[in-house]
């Protein structure tokens, strides 16, 4: 192996040789965020030509309804001016662009909104600058860096990419799952494998009580990073007026036993440990844990509700009809196809969930009222 690594695989192999096997969380953090080799640091992974497509890239309707939700929530907060409109992990900037276009129906909202994007990738920041070139935008590496003041936070497919730890049940108890170097791989092309931590593992304390009796071989996933961000949001909303909207795929009622860690490359699943840094890594979001962490920070939580139900309550059908009035037959077909993809039960409609976090006393935001 060379002194200067030529790939993330070589860098990880050196870390493992020096410090021992890595937690799954450490592997994910390096694979996605390493300053030189990290997946999000080097490329624009979105859209047909990338590795995956998110809801804002599927249809403008998604971002527009998020924008109108922000306008309604801002009004419920009393219309503070100015206020911070923050997006975590804003991708290409498409969602923010669509949201602000819809929000322009209320000029006072647009005048009061100060746009902040929390983004660590230089490549994606450049793309966001192109998308939002006519808007004043401030970029931050962390949510902590956003100034104090009233705030609305959007987090669409943000939490699924935060690192997770995995713990596996064996006939000797629960042990943390780690990533080790495959001893049969060549030094210049290292390969990796999953192993379990040795006896004395601290992994057992990560397992919720109700899952401790899982069958042998069962895997439980926990994301301390996600819970830390959620608690920070909760503390922010407890101290200053605001709300947050979390949209992602995952569990509604707490973690289940199962390995959900997956890699995506060119819109297809790939081996998780193969070619680190060259594929997206995600895992199902535990919405119950996020909500609980935010409540621990002092916020109230609402939901989660299915994405399809939420979009329907916010008026996606009338919006689709309005778009089709001046559309060609092909455009109308595309609108219907995008609508179905966003709301249908066998597509994104039930897999994706929507959670709201809010300053205590705000009440249930739009889309979260009892049906």
Protein backbone atom coordinates (compact mmCIF):
# COMPACT_ATOMS: atom_id res chain seq x y z
CA UNK A 1 0.00 0.00 0.00
CA UNK A 2 1.40 3.43 -0.96
CA UNK A 3 2.17 6.08 1.66
CA UNK A 4 -0.43 8.40 0.11
CA UNK A 5 -3.72 6.57 -0.48
CA UNK A 6 -5.11 6.70 -4.02
CA UNK A 7 -8.62 5.69 -3.01
CA UNK A 8 -10.94 5.66 -0.04
CA UNK A 9 -10.49 1.88 0.15
CA UNK A 10 -6.77 2.35 0.73
CA UNK A 11 -7.41 5.07 3.31
CA UNK A 12 -9.87 2.84 5.19
CA UNK A 13 -7.52 -0.12 5.04
CA UNK A 14 -4.80 1.97 6.65
CA UNK A 15 -7.19 3.11 9.40
CA UNK A 16 -8.15 -0.48 10.12
CA UNK A 17 -4.54 -1.66 10.19
CA UNK A 18 -3.66 1.10 12.66
CA UNK A 19 -6.77 1.18 14.87
CA UNK A 20 -8.68 -2.04 14.25
CA UNK A 21 -12.09 -2.64 12.67
CA UNK A 22 -14.39 0.34 12.17
CA UNK A 23 -17.94 0.73 13.38
CA UNK A 24 -20.54 0.79 10.61
CA UNK A 25 -21.09 4.45 11.55
CA UNK A 26 -17.43 5.28 11.01
CA UNK A 27 -17.42 3.44 7.67
CA UNK A 28 -20.53 5.34 6.53
CA UNK A 29 -19.13 8.69 7.64
CA UNK A 30 -15.94 8.13 5.67
CA UNK A 31 -17.69 6.68 2.61
CA UNK A 32 -20.06 9.63 2.33
CA UNK A 33 -18.12 12.55 3.77
CA UNK A 34 -14.35 12.02 3.50
CA UNK A 35 -12.98 15.41 2.34
CA UNK A 36 -11.14 13.93 -0.66
CA UNK A 37 -12.81 10.62 -1.46
CA UNK A 38 -16.30 10.91 0.06
CA UNK A 39 -19.27 10.12 -2.16
CA UNK A 40 -21.03 13.45 -1.67
CA UNK A 41 -17.80 15.45 -1.84
CA UNK A 42 -16.88 14.51 -5.39
CA UNK A 43 -20.06 14.37 -7.47
CA UNK A 44 -23.67 15.30 -8.10
CA UNK A 45 -25.45 11.99 -7.47
CA UNK A 46 -29.02 13.13 -8.23
CA UNK A 47 -31.33 12.57 -11.16
CA UNK A 48 -31.48 10.22 -14.12
CA UNK A 49 -27.76 10.55 -14.86
CA UNK A 50 -26.80 10.01 -11.21
CA UNK A 51 -27.36 7.19 -8.75
CA UNK A 52 -30.81 8.02 -7.35
CA UNK A 53 -33.76 10.40 -7.75
CA UNK A 54 -35.41 12.28 -4.89
CA UNK A 55 -38.96 13.63 -4.73
CA UNK A 56 -38.03 17.22 -5.71
CA UNK A 57 -36.44 15.87 -8.91
CA UNK A 58 -39.55 13.81 -9.68
CA UNK A 59 -41.98 16.73 -9.77
CA UNK A 60 -42.14 20.44 -9.01
CA UNK A 61 -45.36 19.73 -7.12
CA UNK A 62 -43.42 18.27 -4.19
CA UNK A 63 -41.32 21.35 -3.54
CA UNK A 64 -44.24 23.67 -4.19
CA UNK A 65 -46.36 22.01 -1.51
CA UNK A 66 -43.43 22.08 0.92
CA UNK A 67 -43.17 25.80 0.21
CA UNK A 68 -46.87 26.37 0.87
CA UNK A 69 -46.59 24.34 4.08
CA UNK A 70 -43.80 26.70 5.16
CA UNK A 71 -45.96 29.74 4.36
CA UNK A 72 -48.86 28.35 6.38
CA UNK A 73 -46.63 27.42 9.33
CA UNK A 74 -44.96 30.84 9.24
CA UNK A 75 -48.40 32.46 9.43
CA UNK A 76 -49.34 30.24 12.41
CA UNK A 77 -46.16 31.46 14.10
CA UNK A 78 -47.38 35.03 13.71
CA UNK A 79 -45.44 35.90 10.55
CA UNK A 80 -42.06 36.71 12.14
CA UNK A 81 -39.86 39.01 10.08
CA UNK A 82 -37.12 38.30 9.43
CA UNK A 83 -36.87 34.55 9.92
CA UNK A 84 -34.45 31.82 8.82
CA UNK A 85 -35.59 29.35 6.14
CA UNK A 86 -33.15 26.45 6.44
CA UNK A 87 -32.72 23.29 4.39
CA UNK A 88 -30.55 20.42 5.60
CA UNK A 89 -28.85 18.47 2.80
CA UNK A 90 -30.42 20.53 -0.02
CA UNK A 91 -29.23 18.39 -2.94
CA UNK A 92 -29.23 20.44 -6.15
CA UNK A 93 -31.33 23.21 -4.61
CA UNK A 94 -34.39 22.06 -6.55
CA UNK A 95 -36.68 21.77 -3.55
CA UNK A 96 -35.78 25.25 -2.28
CA UNK A 97 -36.25 26.73 -5.75
CA UNK A 98 -39.72 25.21 -6.12
CA UNK A 99 -40.69 26.04 -2.53
CA UNK A 100 -39.76 29.71 -2.91
CA UNK A 101 -41.56 30.01 -6.24
CA UNK A 102 -44.78 28.77 -4.63
CA UNK A 103 -44.18 30.93 -1.55
CA UNK A 104 -44.00 34.01 -3.77
CA UNK A 105 -47.81 33.98 -3.66
CA UNK A 106 -47.32 35.58 -0.25
CA UNK A 107 -44.84 38.47 -0.79
CA UNK A 108 -44.47 39.13 2.95
CA UNK A 109 -43.14 35.59 3.45
CA UNK A 110 -40.57 35.97 0.69
CA UNK A 111 -39.44 39.34 2.00
CA UNK A 112 -39.03 37.97 5.52
CA UNK A 113 -37.26 34.72 4.55
CA UNK A 114 -33.49 34.54 4.91
CA UNK A 115 -32.36 31.38 3.11
CA UNK A 116 -29.73 29.14 4.69
CA UNK A 117 -28.46 25.85 3.24
CA UNK A 118 -26.60 23.37 5.44
CA UNK A 119 -24.29 21.57 3.02
CA UNK A 120 -20.77 20.16 3.42
CA UNK A 121 -20.15 19.14 -0.21
CA UNK A 122 -18.27 21.70 -2.34
CA UNK A 123 -19.61 20.02 -5.49
CA UNK A 124 -23.23 20.28 -4.38
CA UNK A 125 -22.76 23.84 -3.14
CA UNK A 126 -21.66 24.80 -6.64
CA UNK A 127 -24.76 23.15 -8.09
CA UNK A 128 -26.98 24.92 -5.55
CA UNK A 129 -25.42 28.26 -6.51
CA UNK A 130 -26.40 27.63 -10.12
CA UNK A 131 -29.96 26.63 -9.22
CA UNK A 132 -30.50 29.55 -6.83
CA UNK A 133 -28.32 32.08 -8.64
CA UNK A 134 -30.87 34.89 -8.37
CA UNK A 135 -31.35 34.50 -4.61
CA UNK A 136 -29.30 35.62 -1.60
CA UNK A 137 -28.26 32.38 0.12
CA UNK A 138 -25.97 31.66 3.07
CA UNK A 139 -24.23 28.27 3.33
CA UNK A 140 -23.24 26.51 6.54
CA UNK A 141 -21.43 23.29 7.41
CA UNK A 142 -23.67 22.65 10.43
CA UNK A 143 -27.09 23.61 11.71
CA UNK A 144 -25.39 25.06 14.80
CA UNK A 145 -23.94 27.80 12.59
CA UNK A 146 -27.34 29.22 11.59
CA UNK A 147 -27.87 32.47 13.56
CA UNK A 148 -30.43 32.75 16.32
CA UNK A 149 -33.96 33.80 15.44
CA UNK A 150 -37.30 32.38 14.27
CA UNK A 151 -36.71 29.39 12.02
CA UNK A 152 -38.30 26.93 9.62
CA UNK A 153 -36.25 23.83 8.82
CA UNK A 154 -36.70 21.45 5.88
CA UNK A 155 -34.97 18.04 5.95
CA UNK A 156 -35.89 15.93 2.90
CA UNK A 157 -33.92 12.68 2.63
CA UNK A 158 -31.34 14.03 5.05
CA UNK A 159 -31.54 11.66 8.01
CA UNK A 160 -31.30 8.47 5.93
CA UNK A 161 -27.69 9.30 5.06
CA UNK A 162 -26.56 9.94 8.64
CA UNK A 163 -24.35 7.18 10.05
CA UNK A 164 -25.85 4.22 11.89
CA UNK A 165 -24.45 1.64 14.27
CA UNK A 166 -25.50 -2.00 13.89
CA UNK A 167 -25.77 -4.59 16.65
CA UNK A 168 -26.32 -8.30 15.96
CA UNK A 169 -27.81 -11.02 18.16
CA UNK A 170 -25.70 -14.14 18.63
CA UNK A 171 -26.06 -17.19 20.87
CA UNK A 172 -23.82 -15.31 23.33
CA UNK A 173 -25.82 -12.06 23.30
CA UNK A 174 -25.66 -8.79 21.37
CA UNK A 175 -22.44 -7.63 19.68
CA UNK A 176 -21.69 -4.59 17.56
CA UNK A 177 -21.18 -5.21 13.86
CA UNK A 178 -17.88 -3.81 12.53
CA UNK A 179 -16.11 -3.43 9.20
CA UNK A 180 -12.76 -5.18 8.92
CA UNK A 181 -10.17 -5.65 6.21
CA UNK A 182 -10.50 -8.87 4.23
CA UNK A 183 -7.17 -10.62 4.92
CA UNK A 184 -7.19 -12.21 1.46
CA UNK A 185 -7.38 -8.91 -0.43
CA UNK A 186 -4.26 -7.40 -2.09
CA UNK A 187 -2.70 -4.31 -0.45
CA UNK A 188 -3.35 -2.06 -3.45
CA UNK A 189 -6.98 -3.17 -3.86
CA UNK A 190 -8.29 -3.76 -0.34
CA UNK A 191 -11.63 -5.42 0.24
CA UNK A 192 -13.76 -5.36 3.37
CA UNK A 193 -15.97 -7.70 5.36
CA UNK A 194 -18.35 -7.53 8.31
CA UNK A 195 -17.18 -8.95 11.65
CA UNK A 196 -18.54 -8.84 15.18
CA UNK A 197 -16.86 -7.09 18.07
CA UNK A 198 -15.11 -9.39 20.52
CA UNK A 199 -16.57 -10.43 23.86
CA UNK A 200 -17.14 -7.51 26.17
CA UNK A 201 -18.90 -5.55 23.44
CA UNK A 202 -20.70 -2.41 24.53
CA UNK A 203 -23.17 -2.92 21.69
CA UNK A 204 -25.80 -4.52 23.92
CA UNK A 205 -26.61 -1.17 25.55
CA UNK A 206 -27.73 0.19 22.15
CA UNK A 207 -30.56 -2.33 21.84
CA UNK A 208 -34.03 -1.13 22.93
CA UNK A 209 -35.55 -3.27 25.67
CA UNK A 210 -38.45 -4.44 23.51
CA UNK A 211 -36.06 -5.86 20.90
CA UNK A 212 -33.67 -7.70 23.21
CA UNK A 213 -35.47 -11.02 22.68
CA UNK A 214 -34.97 -10.93 18.90
CA UNK A 215 -33.95 -14.24 17.29
CA UNK A 216 -30.33 -15.14 16.78
CA UNK A 217 -28.90 -13.37 13.73
CA UNK A 218 -31.21 -10.36 14.11
CA UNK A 219 -29.71 -6.91 13.50
CA UNK A 220 -30.77 -3.71 15.23
CA UNK A 221 -29.76 -0.29 13.88
CA UNK A 222 -29.30 2.87 15.94
CA UNK A 223 -28.28 6.33 14.71
CA UNK A 224 -26.73 8.45 17.47
CA UNK A 225 -25.91 11.07 14.80
CA UNK A 226 -29.58 11.40 13.81
CA UNK A 227 -30.68 11.66 17.43
CA UNK A 228 -28.08 14.36 18.08
CA UNK A 229 -29.34 16.48 15.17
CA UNK A 230 -32.96 15.95 16.23
CA UNK A 231 -32.20 16.99 19.80
CA UNK A 232 -30.43 20.10 18.50
CA UNK A 233 -33.53 20.96 16.44
CA UNK A 234 -35.69 20.40 19.52
CA UNK A 235 -33.54 22.70 21.63
CA UNK A 236 -33.64 25.36 18.93
CA UNK A 237 -37.44 25.17 18.62
CA UNK A 238 -37.86 25.27 22.40
CA UNK A 239 -35.79 28.44 22.63
CA UNK A 240 -37.07 30.29 19.54
CA UNK A 241 -40.29 30.14 17.51
CA UNK A 242 -40.23 27.76 14.58
CA UNK A 243 -40.91 24.36 13.11
CA UNK A 244 -39.16 21.59 11.20
CA UNK A 245 -40.37 19.26 8.47
CA UNK A 246 -38.66 15.85 8.18
CA UNK A 247 -39.39 13.72 5.10
CA UNK A 248 -37.66 10.40 4.59
CA UNK A 249 -38.19 6.67 4.35
CA UNK A 250 -38.20 4.50 7.44
CA UNK A 251 -40.08 3.19 10.48
CA UNK A 252 -43.10 4.96 11.96
CA UNK A 253 -43.18 3.25 15.36
CA UNK A 254 -39.62 2.66 16.40
CA UNK A 255 -36.86 0.41 15.08
CA UNK A 256 -37.52 -3.08 13.82
CA UNK A 257 -35.12 -5.98 13.71
CA UNK A 258 -33.50 -5.95 10.30
CA UNK A 259 -30.48 -4.86 8.30
CA UNK A 260 -31.58 -1.86 6.17
CA UNK A 261 -28.15 -0.53 5.24
CA UNK A 262 -27.96 -0.33 1.46
CA UNK A 263 -25.78 1.03 -1.31
CA UNK A 264 -27.12 2.59 -4.51
CA UNK A 265 -25.19 3.10 -7.72
CA UNK A 266 -26.77 4.09 -11.05
CA UNK A 267 -30.28 3.49 -9.69
CA UNK A 268 -29.47 -0.10 -8.69
CA UNK A 269 -28.47 -1.78 -5.45
CA UNK A 270 -24.76 -2.48 -5.00
CA UNK A 271 -22.76 -4.44 -2.39
CA UNK A 272 -22.50 -2.21 0.70
CA UNK A 273 -18.77 -2.69 1.32
CA UNK A 274 -17.68 -2.66 -2.33
CA UNK A 275 -15.84 0.39 -3.71
CA UNK A 276 -16.49 2.73 -0.74
CA UNK A 277 -17.01 6.33 -1.79
CA UNK A 278 -18.45 5.36 -5.17
CA UNK A 279 -22.03 4.54 -4.07
CA UNK A 280 -24.62 6.19 -1.85
CA UNK A 281 -25.13 4.55 1.54
CA UNK A 282 -28.45 4.91 3.37
CA UNK A 283 -30.50 3.21 6.06
CA UNK A 284 -34.12 3.39 7.18
CA UNK A 285 -34.91 6.29 9.47
CA UNK A 286 -36.30 5.60 12.95
CA UNK A 287 -38.90 8.38 13.12
CA UNK A 288 -39.88 7.50 16.68
CA UNK A 289 -36.29 8.00 17.84
CA UNK A 290 -36.03 11.34 16.00
CA UNK A 291 -39.30 12.55 17.49
CA UNK A 292 -38.26 11.43 20.98
CA UNK A 293 -34.88 13.18 20.70
CA UNK A 294 -36.55 16.39 19.53
CA UNK A 295 -39.02 16.20 22.42
CA UNK A 296 -36.10 15.67 24.80
CA UNK A 297 -34.74 18.94 23.42
CA UNK A 298 -38.02 20.66 24.22
CA UNK A 299 -40.01 20.62 20.97
CA UNK A 300 -43.39 19.07 20.22
CA UNK A 301 -43.74 16.42 17.52
CA UNK A 302 -46.56 15.58 15.10
CA UNK A 303 -46.80 12.41 13.03
CA UNK A 304 -45.20 10.76 11.29
CA UNK A 305 -47.81 10.41 8.56
CA UNK A 306 -47.44 8.72 5.17
CA UNK A 307 -46.04 11.01 2.49
CA UNK A 308 -48.91 10.21 0.15
CA UNK A 309 -51.54 11.17 2.72
CA UNK A 310 -49.67 14.36 3.61
CA UNK A 311 -49.38 15.49 -0.01
CA UNK A 312 -53.05 14.75 -0.66
CA UNK A 313 -54.09 16.77 2.41
CA UNK A 314 -51.98 19.68 1.17
CA UNK A 315 -53.69 19.63 -2.22
CA UNK A 316 -51.48 17.77 -4.65
CA UNK A 317 -54.45 16.59 -6.75
CA UNK A 318 -55.74 20.13 -7.48
CA UNK A 319 -52.17 21.23 -8.20
CA UNK A 320 -51.71 18.38 -10.69
CA UNK A 321 -55.00 19.30 -12.37
CA UNK A 322 -53.91 22.93 -12.66
CA UNK A 323 -50.61 21.94 -14.25
CA UNK A 324 -52.39 19.71 -16.78
CA UNK A 325 -54.70 22.47 -18.02
CA UNK A 326 -52.04 23.93 -20.30
CA UNK A 327 -50.04 20.72 -20.81
CA UNK A 328 -49.58 18.62 -23.91
CA UNK A 329 -50.82 15.05 -23.83
CA UNK A 330 -47.29 13.81 -23.11
CA UNK A 331 -46.77 16.41 -20.38
CA UNK A 332 -50.11 15.48 -18.79
CA UNK A 333 -49.07 11.83 -18.79
CA UNK A 334 -45.77 12.75 -17.12
CA UNK A 335 -47.62 14.75 -14.47
CA UNK A 336 -49.89 11.78 -13.70
CA UNK A 337 -46.90 9.44 -13.57
CA UNK A 338 -45.05 11.75 -11.16
CA UNK A 339 -48.16 12.15 -9.02
CA UNK A 340 -48.56 8.39 -8.73
CA UNK A 341 -44.91 7.94 -7.86
CA UNK A 342 -45.16 10.44 -5.02
CA UNK A 343 -48.43 9.29 -3.43
CA UNK A 344 -49.25 5.68 -4.38
CA UNK A 345 -48.98 2.96 -1.74
CA UNK A 346 -46.79 0.75 -3.92
CA UNK A 347 -44.32 3.56 -4.64
CA UNK A 348 -43.20 6.43 -2.38
CA UNK A 349 -46.60 7.10 -0.81
CA UNK A 350 -46.27 4.84 2.24
CA UNK A 351 -42.54 4.04 2.31
CA UNK A 352 -41.80 7.73 2.88
CA UNK A 353 -43.02 9.39 6.07
CA UNK A 354 -43.44 13.01 7.12
CA UNK A 355 -42.74 14.26 10.66
CA UNK A 356 -43.24 17.79 11.99
CA UNK A 357 -41.40 19.27 14.96
CA UNK A 358 -42.54 22.57 16.42
CA UNK A 359 -42.24 25.13 19.16
CA UNK A 360 -44.54 24.09 22.03
CA UNK A 361 -48.03 25.53 21.69
CA UNK A 362 -48.04 25.93 17.92
CA UNK A 363 -50.52 23.08 17.41
CA UNK A 364 -50.67 20.54 14.62
CA UNK A 365 -49.28 22.02 11.38
CA UNK A 366 -50.98 21.59 8.00
CA UNK A 367 -51.23 17.95 6.94
CA UNK A 368 -50.96 16.63 10.49
CA UNK A 369 -54.43 17.39 11.77
CA UNK A 370 -56.45 14.37 12.80
CA UNK A 371 -58.37 13.10 9.71
